[in-house]
Amino acid sequence: MVNASPKVLIVSFDGGVWENLKPIAEAGIMPNLKSLLEKGSYGNLESTIPPVTPPAWTAFMTGCNPAKSGVFDFYEYQEGSYKPNLTTNKSIKVDTLWKILSDNGFKVGIIDVP
């Protein structure tokens, strides 16, 4: 008997809302999403303050609010300068879920995370 480890797939739509996604899945326009809805779990997530992509995704990845993660916007400013730099994964000041899982021996794959 093979000892299969649990597998988790998380699919998220930035700015997606179920009142729009469920009807098109149920109409057969998005059959793969329909299958995921029928076989898996889904729900609404609360966003961050501010409700923008970088802090919201970082909160999802870390479980921390923007004050703890250090990510507030698409840009960050260096101390003593007004020149903006793009926020990147190096802007995150805490470990992500997949870093924690990987450090504990789990195989992790991440695709197309903003």
C-alpha atoms as a PDB file:
ATOM      1  CA  MET A   1       0.000   0.000   0.000  1.00  0.00           C
ATOM      2  CA  VAL A   2       1.338   3.417  -0.981  1.00  0.00           C
ATOM      3  CA  ASN A   3       1.472   6.066   1.739  1.00  0.00           C
ATOM      4  CA  ALA A   4       0.142   9.086  -0.184  1.00  0.00           C
ATOM      5  CA  SER A   5       0.780  12.481   1.336  1.00  0.00           C
ATOM      6  CA  PRO A   6      -2.109  14.945   1.356  1.00  0.00           C
ATOM      7  CA  LYS A   7      -2.322  17.263  -1.619  1.00  0.00           C
ATOM      8  CA  VAL A   8      -3.717  20.779  -1.611  1.00  0.00           C
ATOM      9  CA  LEU A   9      -4.525  22.977  -4.599  1.00  0.00           C
ATOM     10  CA  ILE A  10      -5.442  26.595  -4.008  1.00  0.00           C
ATOM     11  CA  VAL A  11      -6.963  28.550  -6.887  1.00  0.00           C
ATOM     12  CA  SER A  12      -7.650  32.221  -6.445  1.00  0.00           C
ATOM     13  CA  PHE A  13      -8.948  34.992  -8.668  1.00  0.00           C
ATOM     14  CA  ASP A  14      -7.624  38.440  -7.817  1.00  0.00           C
ATOM     15  CA  GLY A  15     -10.748  40.569  -7.501  1.00  0.00           C
ATOM     16  CA  GLY A  16     -12.982  37.596  -8.298  1.00  0.00           C
ATOM     17  CA  VAL A  17     -16.350  37.371  -6.538  1.00  0.00           C
ATOM     18  CA  TRP A  18     -18.561  34.304  -6.313  1.00  0.00           C
ATOM     19  CA  GLU A  19     -21.673  36.159  -7.466  1.00  0.00           C
ATOM     20  CA  ASN A  20     -19.914  36.478 -10.848  1.00  0.00           C
ATOM     21  CA  LEU A  21     -17.873  33.256 -10.955  1.00  0.00           C
ATOM     22  CA  LYS A  22     -20.480  30.694  -9.843  1.00  0.00           C
ATOM     23  CA  PRO A  23     -23.065  31.498 -12.562  1.00  0.00           C
ATOM     24  CA  ILE A  24     -20.534  31.167 -15.383  1.00  0.00           C
ATOM     25  CA  ALA A  25     -19.142  27.953 -13.874  1.00  0.00           C
ATOM     26  CA  GLU A  26     -22.640  26.507 -13.504  1.00  0.00           C
ATOM     27  CA  ALA A  27     -23.508  27.552 -17.082  1.00  0.00           C
ATOM     28  CA  GLY A  28     -20.627  25.384 -18.314  1.00  0.00           C
ATOM     29  CA  ILE A  29     -18.486  28.308 -19.495  1.00  0.00           C
ATOM     30  CA  MET A  30     -15.799  27.373 -16.939  1.00  0.00           C
ATOM     31  CA  PRO A  31     -16.153  23.576 -16.620  1.00  0.00           C
ATOM     32  CA  ASN A  32     -12.904  23.101 -14.697  1.00  0.00           C
ATOM     33  CA  LEU A  33     -13.968  25.669 -12.108  1.00  0.00           C
ATOM     34  CA  LYS A  34     -17.349  23.938 -11.872  1.00  0.00           C
ATOM     35  CA  SER A  35     -15.600  20.642 -11.172  1.00  0.00           C
ATOM     36  CA  LEU A  36     -13.409  22.237  -8.497  1.00  0.00           C
ATOM     37  CA  LEU A  37     -16.476  23.793  -6.850  1.00  0.00           C
ATOM     38  CA  GLU A  38     -18.275  20.440  -6.815  1.00  0.00           C
ATOM     39  CA  LYS A  39     -15.321  18.409  -5.513  1.00  0.00           C
ATOM     40  CA  GLY A  40     -13.560  20.911  -3.259  1.00  0.00           C
ATOM     41  CA  SER A  41     -14.189  23.695  -0.821  1.00  0.00           C
ATOM     42  CA  TYR A  42     -14.532  27.384  -1.493  1.00  0.00           C
ATOM     43  CA  GLY A  43     -15.424  30.565   0.292  1.00  0.00           C
ATOM     44  CA  ASN A  44     -15.030  34.294   0.547  1.00  0.00           C
ATOM     45  CA  LEU A  45     -11.894  35.889   1.921  1.00  0.00           C
ATOM     46  CA  GLU A  46     -11.819  39.226   3.670  1.00  0.00           C
ATOM     47  CA  SER A  47      -9.386  41.639   2.149  1.00  0.00           C
ATOM     48  CA  THR A  48      -6.801  43.820   3.789  1.00  0.00           C
ATOM     49  CA  ILE A  49      -6.679  47.513   4.496  1.00  0.00           C
ATOM     50  CA  PRO A  50      -5.825  48.798   1.964  1.00  0.00           C
ATOM     51  CA  PRO A  51      -7.725  46.320  -0.253  1.00  0.00           C
ATOM     52  CA  VAL A  52      -5.108  46.185  -3.016  1.00  0.00           C
ATOM     53  CA  THR A  53      -3.374  43.230  -4.671  1.00  0.00           C
ATOM     54  CA  PRO A  54       0.099  43.333  -3.049  1.00  0.00           C
ATOM     55  CA  PRO A  55      -0.952  43.538   0.616  1.00  0.00           C
ATOM     56  CA  ALA A  56      -3.933  41.218   0.088  1.00  0.00           C
ATOM     57  CA  TRP A  57      -1.885  38.455  -1.557  1.00  0.00           C
ATOM     58  CA  THR A  58       0.903  38.916   0.976  1.00  0.00           C
ATOM     59  CA  ALA A  59      -1.634  38.507   3.805  1.00  0.00           C
ATOM     60  CA  PHE A  60      -2.817  35.290   2.155  1.00  0.00           C
ATOM     61  CA  MET A  61       0.777  34.042   1.778  1.00  0.00           C
ATOM     62  CA  THR A  62       1.877  34.920   5.313  1.00  0.00           C
ATOM     63  CA  GLY A  63      -1.190  35.188   7.537  1.00  0.00           C
ATOM     64  CA  CYS A  64       0.032  38.659   8.525  1.00  0.00           C
ATOM     65  CA  ASN A  65      -1.490  42.078   8.027  1.00  0.00           C
ATOM     66  CA  PRO A  66       0.430  44.737   6.065  1.00  0.00           C
ATOM     67  CA  ALA A  67       1.949  46.255   9.215  1.00  0.00           C
ATOM     68  CA  LYS A  68       3.628  42.922  10.008  1.00  0.00           C
ATOM     69  CA  SER A  69       4.472  41.839   6.450  1.00  0.00           C
ATOM     70  CA  GLY A  70       5.769  45.241   5.348  1.00  0.00           C
ATOM     71  CA  VAL A  71       3.781  45.243   2.090  1.00  0.00           C
ATOM     72  CA  PHE A  72       1.265  48.063   1.607  1.00  0.00           C
ATOM     73  CA  ASP A  73       1.136  48.881  -2.109  1.00  0.00           C
ATOM     74  CA  PHE A  74       2.575  48.179  -5.560  1.00  0.00           C
ATOM     75  CA  TYR A  75       5.484  50.490  -4.709  1.00  0.00           C
ATOM     76  CA  GLU A  76       7.710  51.007  -1.719  1.00  0.00           C
ATOM     77  CA  TYR A  77       9.932  53.929  -0.914  1.00  0.00           C
ATOM     78  CA  GLN A  78      13.475  53.836   0.362  1.00  0.00           C
ATOM     79  CA  GLU A  79      14.230  55.825   3.469  1.00  0.00           C
ATOM     80  CA  GLY A  80      15.581  59.263   2.555  1.00  0.00           C
ATOM     81  CA  SER A  81      14.228  59.106  -1.001  1.00  0.00           C
ATOM     82  CA  TYR A  82      10.960  59.678  -2.818  1.00  0.00           C
ATOM     83  CA  LYS A  83      11.953  57.381  -5.659  1.00  0.00           C
ATOM     84  CA  PRO A  84       9.542  54.426  -5.784  1.00  0.00           C
ATOM     85  CA  ASN A  85      10.670  50.826  -6.214  1.00  0.00           C
ATOM     86  CA  LEU A  86       8.327  48.017  -7.204  1.00  0.00           C
ATOM     87  CA  THR A  87       7.243  45.792  -4.343  1.00  0.00           C
ATOM     88  CA  THR A  88       8.693  42.283  -4.799  1.00  0.00           C
ATOM     89  CA  ASN A  89       8.944  39.072  -2.818  1.00  0.00           C
ATOM     90  CA  LYS A  90      12.025  40.580  -1.170  1.00  0.00           C
ATOM     91  CA  SER A  91       9.731  43.237   0.349  1.00  0.00           C
ATOM     92  CA  ILE A  92       8.004  40.616   2.533  1.00  0.00           C
ATOM     93  CA  LYS A  93       9.428  40.754   6.055  1.00  0.00           C
ATOM     94  CA  VAL A  94       7.992  37.430   7.313  1.00  0.00           C
ATOM     95  CA  ASP A  95       8.067  33.849   6.024  1.00  0.00           C
ATOM     96  CA  THR A  96       5.430  32.722   3.545  1.00  0.00           C
ATOM     97  CA  LEU A  97       3.308  29.611   4.001  1.00  0.00           C
ATOM     98  CA  TRP A  98       5.222  27.778   1.288  1.00  0.00           C
ATOM     99  CA  LYS A  99       8.593  28.662   2.829  1.00  0.00           C
ATOM    100  CA  ILE A 100       7.409  27.266   6.163  1.00  0.00           C
ATOM    101  CA  LEU A 101       6.057  24.111   4.495  1.00  0.00           C
ATOM    102  CA  SER A 102       9.205  23.660   2.423  1.00  0.00           C
ATOM    103  CA  ASP A 103      11.451  24.148   5.473  1.00  0.00           C
ATOM    104  CA  ASN A 104       9.484  21.333   7.126  1.00  0.00           C
ATOM    105  CA  GLY A 105       9.997  18.839   4.314  1.00  0.00           C
ATOM    106  CA  PHE A 106       6.868  19.327   2.197  1.00  0.00           C
ATOM    107  CA  LYS A 107       7.040  19.612  -1.587  1.00  0.00           C
ATOM    108  CA  VAL A 108       5.573  22.933  -2.654  1.00  0.00           C
ATOM    109  CA  GLY A 109       4.817  24.346  -6.100  1.00  0.00           C
ATOM    110  CA  ILE A 110       3.679  27.902  -6.710  1.00  0.00           C
ATOM    111  CA  ILE A 111       2.468  29.145 -10.071  1.00  0.00           C
ATOM    112  CA  ASP A 112       1.688  32.714 -11.108  1.00  0.00           C
ATOM    113  CA  VAL A 113       1.242  34.366  -7.719  1.00  0.00           C
ATOM    114  CA  PRO A 114       1.171  38.163  -7.983  1.00  0.00           C
END
